[in-house]
Amino acid sequence: TTRNETIMNSIAFIESEGNLNEDTIIVTHDSVRPFV
């Protein structure tokens, strides 16, 4: 429901895949910034 809750959902997904550890990096980006 919020931006940060959305990011937390992504981390929960990563954890569900068994890939959340001390080295896991996430690069978060707005979907409406297509010129990155």
PDB file of all heavy atoms in Angstrom:
ATOM      1  N   THR A   1       0.821  -1.214   0.000  1.00  0.00           N
ATOM      2  CA  THR A   1       0.000   0.000   0.000  1.00  0.00           C
ATOM      3  C   THR A   1       0.856   1.266   0.000  1.00  0.00           C
ATOM      4  O   THR A   1       0.368   2.352  -0.311  1.00  0.00           O
ATOM      5  CB  THR A   1      -0.942   0.027   1.218  1.00  0.00           C
ATOM      6  OG1 THR A   1      -0.158  -0.084   2.417  1.00  0.00           O
ATOM      7  CG2 THR A   1      -1.929  -1.127   1.158  1.00  0.00           C
ATOM      8  N   THR A   2       2.137   1.144   0.365  1.00  0.00           N
ATOM      9  CA  THR A   2       3.065   2.266   0.319  1.00  0.00           C
ATOM     10  C   THR A   2       4.315   1.844  -0.447  1.00  0.00           C
ATOM     11  O   THR A   2       4.538   0.650  -0.674  1.00  0.00           O
ATOM     12  CB  THR A   2       3.484   2.734   1.726  1.00  0.00           C
ATOM     13  OG1 THR A   2       4.274   1.704   2.340  1.00  0.00           O
ATOM     14  CG2 THR A   2       2.270   3.043   2.591  1.00  0.00           C
ATOM     15  N   ARG A   3       5.132   2.819  -0.797  1.00  0.00           N
ATOM     16  CA  ARG A   3       6.373   2.526  -1.512  1.00  0.00           C
ATOM     17  C   ARG A   3       7.268   1.573  -0.721  1.00  0.00           C
ATOM     18  O   ARG A   3       7.780   0.597  -1.260  1.00  0.00           O
ATOM     19  CB  ARG A   3       7.112   3.836  -1.793  1.00  0.00           C
ATOM     20  CG  ARG A   3       8.387   3.673  -2.608  1.00  0.00           C
ATOM     21  CD  ARG A   3       9.126   4.994  -2.745  1.00  0.00           C
ATOM     22  NE  ARG A   3      10.237   4.893  -3.675  1.00  0.00           N
ATOM     23  CZ  ARG A   3      10.156   5.065  -4.977  1.00  0.00           C
ATOM     24  NH1 ARG A   3       8.999   5.357  -5.531  1.00  0.00           N
ATOM     25  NH2 ARG A   3      11.221   4.952  -5.757  1.00  0.00           N
ATOM     26  N   ASN A   4       7.418   1.860   0.567  1.00  0.00           N
ATOM     27  CA  ASN A   4       8.311   1.025   1.357  1.00  0.00           C
ATOM     28  C   ASN A   4       7.739  -0.367   1.618  1.00  0.00           C
ATOM     29  O   ASN A   4       8.486  -1.348   1.667  1.00  0.00           O
ATOM     30  CB  ASN A   4       8.667   1.728   2.669  1.00  0.00           C
ATOM     31  CG  ASN A   4       9.612   2.893   2.442  1.00  0.00           C
ATOM     32  OD1 ASN A   4      10.695   2.732   1.894  1.00  0.00           O
ATOM     33  ND2 ASN A   4       9.199   4.088   2.844  1.00  0.00           N
ATOM     34  N   GLU A   5       6.432  -0.466   1.754  1.00  0.00           N
ATOM     35  CA  GLU A   5       5.823  -1.797   1.886  1.00  0.00           C
ATOM     36  C   GLU A   5       6.015  -2.593   0.599  1.00  0.00           C
ATOM     37  O   GLU A   5       6.213  -3.814   0.637  1.00  0.00           O
ATOM     38  CB  GLU A   5       4.336  -1.670   2.211  1.00  0.00           C
ATOM     39  CG  GLU A   5       4.059  -1.261   3.651  1.00  0.00           C
ATOM     40  CD  GLU A   5       2.575  -1.145   3.946  1.00  0.00           C
ATOM     41  OE1 GLU A   5       1.757  -1.554   3.082  1.00  0.00           O
ATOM     42  OE2 GLU A   5       2.221  -0.645   5.026  1.00  0.00           O
ATOM     43  N   THR A   6       5.977  -1.903  -0.530  1.00  0.00           N
ATOM     44  CA  THR A   6       6.217  -2.578  -1.812  1.00  0.00           C
ATOM     45  C   THR A   6       7.637  -3.131  -1.867  1.00  0.00           C
ATOM     46  O   THR A   6       7.863  -4.273  -2.290  1.00  0.00           O
ATOM     47  CB  THR A   6       5.967  -1.599  -2.976  1.00  0.00           C
ATOM     48  OG1 THR A   6       4.592  -1.217  -2.981  1.00  0.00           O
ATOM     49  CG2 THR A   6       6.315  -2.245  -4.321  1.00  0.00           C
ATOM     50  N   ILE A   7       8.601  -2.329  -1.425  1.00  0.00           N
ATOM     51  CA  ILE A   7       9.981  -2.809  -1.388  1.00  0.00           C
ATOM     52  C   ILE A   7      10.119  -3.993  -0.438  1.00  0.00           C
ATOM     53  O   ILE A   7      10.817  -4.975  -0.735  1.00  0.00           O
ATOM     54  CB  ILE A   7      10.935  -1.661  -0.984  1.00  0.00           C
ATOM     55  CG1 ILE A   7      10.942  -0.584  -2.077  1.00  0.00           C
ATOM     56  CG2 ILE A   7      12.352  -2.191  -0.748  1.00  0.00           C
ATOM     57  CD1 ILE A   7      11.727   0.661  -1.720  1.00  0.00           C
ATOM     58  N   MET A   8       9.427  -3.922   0.692  1.00  0.00           N
ATOM     59  CA  MET A   8       9.474  -5.050   1.629  1.00  0.00           C
ATOM     60  C   MET A   8       8.861  -6.314   1.007  1.00  0.00           C
ATOM     61  O   MET A   8       9.315  -7.425   1.287  1.00  0.00           O
ATOM     62  CB  MET A   8       8.736  -4.698   2.925  1.00  0.00           C
ATOM     63  CG  MET A   8       9.430  -3.647   3.771  1.00  0.00           C
ATOM     64  SD  MET A   8      11.139  -4.079   4.189  1.00  0.00           S
ATOM     65  CE  MET A   8      11.992  -2.667   3.471  1.00  0.00           C
ATOM     66  N   ASN A   9       7.849  -6.143   0.166  1.00  0.00           N
ATOM     67  CA  ASN A   9       7.279  -7.302  -0.540  1.00  0.00           C
ATOM     68  C   ASN A   9       8.323  -7.943  -1.453  1.00  0.00           C
ATOM     69  O   ASN A   9       8.372  -9.169  -1.589  1.00  0.00           O
ATOM     70  CB  ASN A   9       6.071  -6.872  -1.375  1.00  0.00           C
ATOM     71  CG  ASN A   9       4.813  -6.715  -0.555  1.00  0.00           C
ATOM     72  OD1 ASN A   9       4.844  -6.760   0.669  1.00  0.00           O
ATOM     73  ND2 ASN A   9       3.682  -6.505  -1.217  1.00  0.00           N
ATOM     74  N   SER A  10       9.159  -7.114  -2.063  1.00  0.00           N
ATOM     75  CA  SER A  10      10.199  -7.672  -2.930  1.00  0.00           C
ATOM     76  C   SER A  10      11.215  -8.464  -2.114  1.00  0.00           C
ATOM     77  O   SER A  10      11.675  -9.529  -2.543  1.00  0.00           O
ATOM     78  CB  SER A  10      10.899  -6.551  -3.717  1.00  0.00           C
ATOM     79  OG  SER A  10      11.789  -5.811  -2.912  1.00  0.00           O
ATOM     80  N   ILE A  11      11.545  -7.959  -0.931  1.00  0.00           N
ATOM     81  CA  ILE A  11      12.502  -8.672  -0.070  1.00  0.00           C
ATOM     82  C   ILE A  11      11.895  -9.977   0.427  1.00  0.00           C
ATOM     83  O   ILE A  11      12.582 -11.010   0.500  1.00  0.00           O
ATOM     84  CB  ILE A  11      12.945  -7.772   1.100  1.00  0.00           C
ATOM     85  CG1 ILE A  11      13.734  -6.570   0.556  1.00  0.00           C
ATOM     86  CG2 ILE A  11      13.797  -8.554   2.107  1.00  0.00           C
ATOM     87  CD1 ILE A  11      14.134  -5.548   1.607  1.00  0.00           C
ATOM     88  N   ALA A  12      10.592  -9.954   0.756  1.00  0.00           N
ATOM     89  CA  ALA A  12       9.916 -11.190   1.176  1.00  0.00           C
ATOM     90  C   ALA A  12       9.937 -12.223   0.059  1.00  0.00           C
ATOM     91  O   ALA A  12      10.115 -13.427   0.302  1.00  0.00           O
ATOM     92  CB  ALA A  12       8.477 -10.878   1.593  1.00  0.00           C
ATOM     93  N   PHE A  13       9.775 -11.760  -1.181  1.00  0.00           N
ATOM     94  CA  PHE A  13       9.831 -12.674  -2.325  1.00  0.00           C
ATOM     95  C   PHE A  13      11.225 -13.277  -2.456  1.00  0.00           C
ATOM     96  O   PHE A  13      11.373 -14.486  -2.690  1.00  0.00           O
ATOM     97  CB  PHE A  13       9.457 -11.926  -3.607  1.00  0.00           C
ATOM     98  CG  PHE A  13       9.595 -12.751  -4.859  1.00  0.00           C
ATOM     99  CD1 PHE A  13       8.593 -13.622  -5.242  1.00  0.00           C
ATOM    100  CD2 PHE A  13      10.740 -12.659  -5.642  1.00  0.00           C
ATOM    101  CE1 PHE A  13       8.727 -14.401  -6.388  1.00  0.00           C
ATOM    102  CE2 PHE A  13      10.878 -13.426  -6.788  1.00  0.00           C
ATOM    103  CZ  PHE A  13       9.877 -14.301  -7.167  1.00  0.00           C
ATOM    104  N   ILE A  14      12.240 -12.440  -2.323  1.00  0.00           N
ATOM    105  CA  ILE A  14      13.621 -12.926  -2.398  1.00  0.00           C
ATOM    106  C   ILE A  14      13.870 -13.969  -1.304  1.00  0.00           C
ATOM    107  O   ILE A  14      14.487 -15.012  -1.548  1.00  0.00           O
ATOM    108  CB  ILE A  14      14.606 -11.753  -2.255  1.00  0.00           C
ATOM    109  CG1 ILE A  14      14.490 -10.818  -3.467  1.00  0.00           C
ATOM    110  CG2 ILE A  14      16.042 -12.246  -2.099  1.00  0.00           C
ATOM    111  CD1 ILE A  14      15.212  -9.489  -3.306  1.00  0.00           C
ATOM    112  N   GLU A  15      13.362 -13.695  -0.117  1.00  0.00           N
ATOM    113  CA  GLU A  15      13.530 -14.633   1.001  1.00  0.00           C
ATOM    114  C   GLU A  15      12.809 -15.947   0.723  1.00  0.00           C
ATOM    115  O   GLU A  15      13.320 -17.035   1.038  1.00  0.00           O
ATOM    116  CB  GLU A  15      13.010 -14.002   2.292  1.00  0.00           C
ATOM    117  CG  GLU A  15      13.355 -14.788   3.545  1.00  0.00           C
ATOM    118  CD  GLU A  15      13.104 -14.001   4.817  1.00  0.00           C
ATOM    119  OE1 GLU A  15      12.344 -13.008   4.778  1.00  0.00           O
ATOM    120  OE2 GLU A  15      13.675 -14.377   5.862  1.00  0.00           O
ATOM    121  N   SER A  16      11.636 -15.864   0.089  1.00  0.00           N
ATOM    122  CA  SER A  16      10.879 -17.078  -0.227  1.00  0.00           C
ATOM    123  C   SER A  16      11.609 -17.957  -1.232  1.00  0.00           C
ATOM    124  O   SER A  16      11.405 -19.170  -1.279  1.00  0.00           O
ATOM    125  CB  SER A  16       9.487 -16.724  -0.764  1.00  0.00           C
ATOM    126  OG  SER A  16       9.559 -16.213  -2.093  1.00  0.00           O
ATOM    127  N   GLU A  17      12.473 -17.332  -2.035  1.00  0.00           N
ATOM    128  CA  GLU A  17      13.280 -18.085  -2.995  1.00  0.00           C
ATOM    129  C   GLU A  17      14.567 -18.627  -2.380  1.00  0.00           C
ATOM    130  O   GLU A  17      15.347 -19.310  -3.058  1.00  0.00           O
ATOM    131  CB  GLU A  17      13.630 -17.200  -4.197  1.00  0.00           C
ATOM    132  CG  GLU A  17      12.447 -16.860  -5.092  1.00  0.00           C
ATOM    133  CD  GLU A  17      12.889 -16.386  -6.464  1.00  0.00           C
ATOM    134  OE1 GLU A  17      13.915 -15.664  -6.558  1.00  0.00           O
ATOM    135  OE2 GLU A  17      12.236 -16.767  -7.454  1.00  0.00           O
ATOM    136  N   GLY A  18      14.797 -18.289  -1.107  1.00  0.00           N
ATOM    137  CA  GLY A  18      15.994 -18.761  -0.421  1.00  0.00           C
ATOM    138  C   GLY A  18      17.250 -17.987  -0.772  1.00  0.00           C
ATOM    139  O   GLY A  18      18.366 -18.472  -0.561  1.00  0.00           O
ATOM    140  N   ASN A  19      17.076 -16.744  -1.267  1.00  0.00           N
ATOM    141  CA  ASN A  19      18.230 -15.972  -1.718  1.00  0.00           C
ATOM    142  C   ASN A  19      18.507 -14.716  -0.898  1.00  0.00           C
ATOM    143  O   ASN A  19      19.294 -13.865  -1.316  1.00  0.00           O
ATOM    144  CB  ASN A  19      18.045 -15.574  -3.186  1.00  0.00           C
ATOM    145  CG  ASN A  19      18.106 -16.768  -4.115  1.00  0.00           C
ATOM    146  OD1 ASN A  19      18.905 -17.668  -3.924  1.00  0.00           O
ATOM    147  ND2 ASN A  19      17.238 -16.783  -5.120  1.00  0.00           N
ATOM    148  N   LEU A  20      17.875 -14.614   0.269  1.00  0.00           N
ATOM    149  CA  LEU A  20      18.134 -13.462   1.119  1.00  0.00           C
ATOM    150  C   LEU A  20      19.267 -13.786   2.083  1.00  0.00           C
ATOM    151  O   LEU A  20      19.136 -14.664   2.940  1.00  0.00           O
ATOM    152  CB  LEU A  20      16.882 -13.058   1.897  1.00  0.00           C
ATOM    153  CG  LEU A  20      17.031 -11.811   2.769  1.00  0.00           C
ATOM    154  CD1 LEU A  20      17.339 -10.583   1.914  1.00  0.00           C
ATOM    155  CD2 LEU A  20      15.767 -11.577   3.605  1.00  0.00           C
ATOM    156  N   ASN A  21      20.387 -13.093   1.911  1.00  0.00           N
ATOM    157  CA  ASN A  21      21.518 -13.273   2.812  1.00  0.00           C
ATOM    158  C   ASN A  21      22.258 -11.945   2.944  1.00  0.00           C
ATOM    159  O   ASN A  21      21.812 -10.925   2.416  1.00  0.00           O
ATOM    160  CB  ASN A  21      22.448 -14.384   2.312  1.00  0.00           C
ATOM    161  CG  ASN A  21      22.931 -14.144   0.892  1.00  0.00           C
ATOM    162  OD1 ASN A  21      23.503 -13.100   0.585  1.00  0.00           O
ATOM    163  ND2 ASN A  21      22.680 -15.105  -0.001  1.00  0.00           N
ATOM    164  N   GLU A  22      23.367 -11.952   3.629  1.00  0.00           N
ATOM    165  CA  GLU A  22      24.085 -10.706   3.911  1.00  0.00           C
ATOM    166  C   GLU A  22      24.667 -10.045   2.666  1.00  0.00           C
ATOM    167  O   GLU A  22      25.082  -8.880   2.719  1.00  0.00           O
ATOM    168  CB  GLU A  22      25.198 -10.962   4.935  1.00  0.00           C
ATOM    169  CG  GLU A  22      24.661 -11.358   6.313  1.00  0.00           C
ATOM    170  CD  GLU A  22      25.774 -11.582   7.324  1.00  0.00           C
ATOM    171  OE1 GLU A  22      26.956 -11.511   6.917  1.00  0.00           O
ATOM    172  OE2 GLU A  22      25.462 -11.808   8.498  1.00  0.00           O
ATOM    173  N   ASP A  23      24.704 -10.763   1.566  1.00  0.00           N
ATOM    174  CA  ASP A  23      25.267 -10.202   0.337  1.00  0.00           C
ATOM    175  C   ASP A  23      24.214  -9.797  -0.688  1.00  0.00           C
ATOM    176  O   ASP A  23      24.557  -9.263  -1.753  1.00  0.00           O
ATOM    177  CB  ASP A  23      26.223 -11.216  -0.314  1.00  0.00           C
ATOM    178  CG  ASP A  23      27.417 -11.526   0.573  1.00  0.00           C
ATOM    179  OD1 ASP A  23      27.937 -10.587   1.218  1.00  0.00           O
ATOM    180  OD2 ASP A  23      27.821 -12.701   0.635  1.00  0.00           O
ATOM    181  N   THR A  24      22.942 -10.020  -0.400  1.00  0.00           N
ATOM    182  CA  THR A  24      21.879  -9.725  -1.369  1.00  0.00           C
ATOM    183  C   THR A  24      21.716  -8.213  -1.559  1.00  0.00           C
ATOM    184  O   THR A  24      21.581  -7.466  -0.584  1.00  0.00           O
ATOM    185  CB  THR A  24      20.542 -10.324  -0.909  1.00  0.00           C
ATOM    186  OG1 THR A  24      20.700 -11.716  -0.665  1.00  0.00           O
ATOM    187  CG2 THR A  24      19.467 -10.123  -1.976  1.00  0.00           C
ATOM    188  N   ILE A  25      21.717  -7.789  -2.797  1.00  0.00           N
ATOM    189  CA  ILE A  25      21.564  -6.375  -3.140  1.00  0.00           C
ATOM    190  C   ILE A  25      20.283  -6.188  -3.953  1.00  0.00           C
ATOM    191  O   ILE A  25      19.971  -7.002  -4.828  1.00  0.00           O
ATOM    192  CB  ILE A  25      22.763  -5.876  -3.981  1.00  0.00           C
ATOM    193  CG1 ILE A  25      24.058  -5.956  -3.176  1.00  0.00           C
ATOM    194  CG2 ILE A  25      22.527  -4.440  -4.491  1.00  0.00           C
ATOM    195  CD1 ILE A  25      24.117  -5.074  -1.952  1.00  0.00           C
ATOM    196  N   ILE A  26      19.539  -5.117  -3.649  1.00  0.00           N
ATOM    197  CA  ILE A  26      18.382  -4.758  -4.467  1.00  0.00           C
ATOM    198  C   ILE A  26      18.593  -3.361  -5.056  1.00  0.00           C
ATOM    199  O   ILE A  26      19.035  -2.447  -4.376  1.00  0.00           O
ATOM    200  CB  ILE A  26      17.049  -4.818  -3.688  1.00  0.00           C
ATOM    201  CG1 ILE A  26      17.073  -3.915  -2.447  1.00  0.00           C
ATOM    202  CG2 ILE A  26      16.714  -6.254  -3.306  1.00  0.00           C
ATOM    203  CD1 ILE A  26      15.713  -3.798  -1.747  1.00  0.00           C
ATOM    204  N   VAL A  27      18.285  -3.242  -6.335  1.00  0.00           N
ATOM    205  CA  VAL A  27      18.364  -1.962  -7.044  1.00  0.00           C
ATOM    206  C   VAL A  27      16.926  -1.541  -7.331  1.00  0.00           C
ATOM    207  O   VAL A  27      16.279  -2.084  -8.229  1.00  0.00           O
ATOM    208  CB  VAL A  27      19.167  -2.105  -8.348  1.00  0.00           C
ATOM    209  CG1 VAL A  27      19.242  -0.760  -9.081  1.00  0.00           C
ATOM    210  CG2 VAL A  27      20.572  -2.633  -8.061  1.00  0.00           C
ATOM    211  N   THR A  28      16.401  -0.618  -6.539  1.00  0.00           N
ATOM    212  CA  THR A  28      14.994  -0.232  -6.661  1.00  0.00           C
ATOM    213  C   THR A  28      14.862   0.972  -7.591  1.00  0.00           C
ATOM    214  O   THR A  28      15.639   1.925  -7.517  1.00  0.00           O
ATOM    215  CB  THR A  28      14.382   0.101  -5.287  1.00  0.00           C
ATOM    216  OG1 THR A  28      14.900   1.343  -4.796  1.00  0.00           O
ATOM    217  CG2 THR A  28      14.697  -1.006  -4.281  1.00  0.00           C
ATOM    218  N   HIS A  29      13.834   0.923  -8.449  1.00  0.00           N
ATOM    219  CA  HIS A  29      13.725   1.959  -9.485  1.00  0.00           C
ATOM    220  C   HIS A  29      12.268   2.209  -9.838  1.00  0.00           C
ATOM    221  O   HIS A  29      11.445   1.291  -9.879  1.00  0.00           O
ATOM    222  CB  HIS A  29      14.484   1.508 -10.730  1.00  0.00           C
ATOM    223  CG  HIS A  29      14.591   2.549 -11.794  1.00  0.00           C
ATOM    224  ND1 HIS A  29      15.253   3.743 -11.618  1.00  0.00           N
ATOM    225  CD2 HIS A  29      14.110   2.587 -13.071  1.00  0.00           C
ATOM    226  CE1 HIS A  29      15.188   4.466 -12.728  1.00  0.00           C
ATOM    227  NE2 HIS A  29      14.487   3.789 -13.622  1.00  0.00           N
ATOM    228  N   ASP A  30      11.950   3.479 -10.123  1.00  0.00           N
ATOM    229  CA  ASP A  30      10.603   3.847 -10.556  1.00  0.00           C
ATOM    230  C   ASP A  30      10.332   3.300 -11.951  1.00  0.00           C
ATOM    231  O   ASP A  30      11.138   3.484 -12.866  1.00  0.00           O
ATOM    232  CB  ASP A  30      10.452   5.374 -10.605  1.00  0.00           C
ATOM    233  CG  ASP A  30      10.639   6.032  -9.251  1.00  0.00           C
ATOM    234  OD1 ASP A  30      10.223   5.433  -8.246  1.00  0.00           O
ATOM    235  OD2 ASP A  30      11.190   7.158  -9.214  1.00  0.00           O
ATOM    236  N   SER A  31       9.186   2.695 -12.139  1.00  0.00           N
ATOM    237  CA  SER A  31       8.839   2.140 -13.453  1.00  0.00           C
ATOM    238  C   SER A  31       8.669   3.231 -14.490  1.00  0.00           C
ATOM    239  O   SER A  31       8.737   2.965 -15.696  1.00  0.00           O
ATOM    240  CB  SER A  31       7.548   1.324 -13.358  1.00  0.00           C
ATOM    241  OG  SER A  31       6.456   2.153 -12.974  1.00  0.00           O
ATOM    242  N   VAL A  32       8.448   4.471 -14.043  1.00  0.00           N
ATOM    243  CA  VAL A  32       8.230   5.579 -14.987  1.00  0.00           C
ATOM    244  C   VAL A  32       9.489   6.433 -15.157  1.00  0.00           C
ATOM    245  O   VAL A  32       9.409   7.622 -15.483  1.00  0.00           O
ATOM    246  CB  VAL A  32       7.034   6.449 -14.539  1.00  0.00           C
ATOM    247  CG1 VAL A  32       5.732   5.707 -14.796  1.00  0.00           C
ATOM    248  CG2 VAL A  32       7.143   6.851 -13.073  1.00  0.00           C
ATOM    249  N   ARG A  33      10.649   5.821 -14.968  1.00  0.00           N
ATOM    250  CA  ARG A  33      11.930   6.458 -15.316  1.00  0.00           C
ATOM    251  C   ARG A  33      12.609   5.573 -16.375  1.00  0.00           C
ATOM    252  O   ARG A  33      13.548   4.834 -16.072  1.00  0.00           O
ATOM    253  CB  ARG A  33      12.829   6.614 -14.096  1.00  0.00           C
ATOM    254  CG  ARG A  33      12.396   7.672 -13.100  1.00  0.00           C
ATOM    255  CD  ARG A  33      13.460   7.889 -12.035  1.00  0.00           C
ATOM    256  NE  ARG A  33      12.983   8.715 -10.950  1.00  0.00           N
ATOM    257  CZ  ARG A  33      13.101  10.052 -10.892  1.00  0.00           C
ATOM    258  NH1 ARG A  33      13.699  10.693 -11.894  1.00  0.00           N
ATOM    259  NH2 ARG A  33      12.652  10.726  -9.866  1.00  0.00           N
ATOM    260  N   PRO A  34      12.149   5.630 -17.618  1.00  0.00           N
ATOM    261  CA  PRO A  34      12.654   4.723 -18.652  1.00  0.00           C
ATOM    262  C   PRO A  34      13.998   5.110 -19.252  1.00  0.00           C
ATOM    263  O   PRO A  34      14.525   4.378 -20.087  1.00  0.00           O
ATOM    264  CB  PRO A  34      11.554   4.783 -19.725  1.00  0.00           C
ATOM    265  CG  PRO A  34      11.008   6.170 -19.606  1.00  0.00           C
ATOM    266  CD  PRO A  34      11.040   6.477 -18.129  1.00  0.00           C
ATOM    267  N   PHE A  35      14.559   6.255 -18.826  1.00  0.00           N
ATOM    268  CA  PHE A  35      15.810   6.715 -19.428  1.00  0.00           C
ATOM    269  C   PHE A  35      17.030   6.454 -18.546  1.00  0.00           C
ATOM    270  O   PHE A  35      18.100   7.014 -18.777  1.00  0.00           O
ATOM    271  CB  PHE A  35      15.704   8.203 -19.794  1.00  0.00           C
ATOM    272  CG  PHE A  35      14.585   8.499 -20.740  1.00  0.00           C
ATOM    273  CD1 PHE A  35      13.433   9.133 -20.313  1.00  0.00           C
ATOM    274  CD2 PHE A  35      14.667   8.103 -22.072  1.00  0.00           C
ATOM    275  CE1 PHE A  35      12.389   9.385 -21.178  1.00  0.00           C
ATOM    276  CE2 PHE A  35      13.623   8.358 -22.951  1.00  0.00           C
ATOM    277  CZ  PHE A  35      12.481   8.994 -22.513  1.00  0.00           C
ATOM    278  N   VAL A  36      16.873   5.613 -17.535  1.00  0.00           N
ATOM    279  CA  VAL A  36      18.012   5.239 -16.700  1.00  0.00           C
ATOM    280  C   VAL A  36      19.077   4.570 -17.571  1.00  0.00           C
ATOM    281  O   VAL A  36      18.752   3.884 -18.546  1.00  0.00           O
ATOM    282  CB  VAL A  36      17.567   4.302 -15.556  1.00  0.00           C
ATOM    283  CG1 VAL A  36      17.040   2.978 -16.086  1.00  0.00           C
ATOM    284  CG2 VAL A  36      18.685   4.087 -14.545  1.00  0.00           C
TER     285      VAL A  36
END
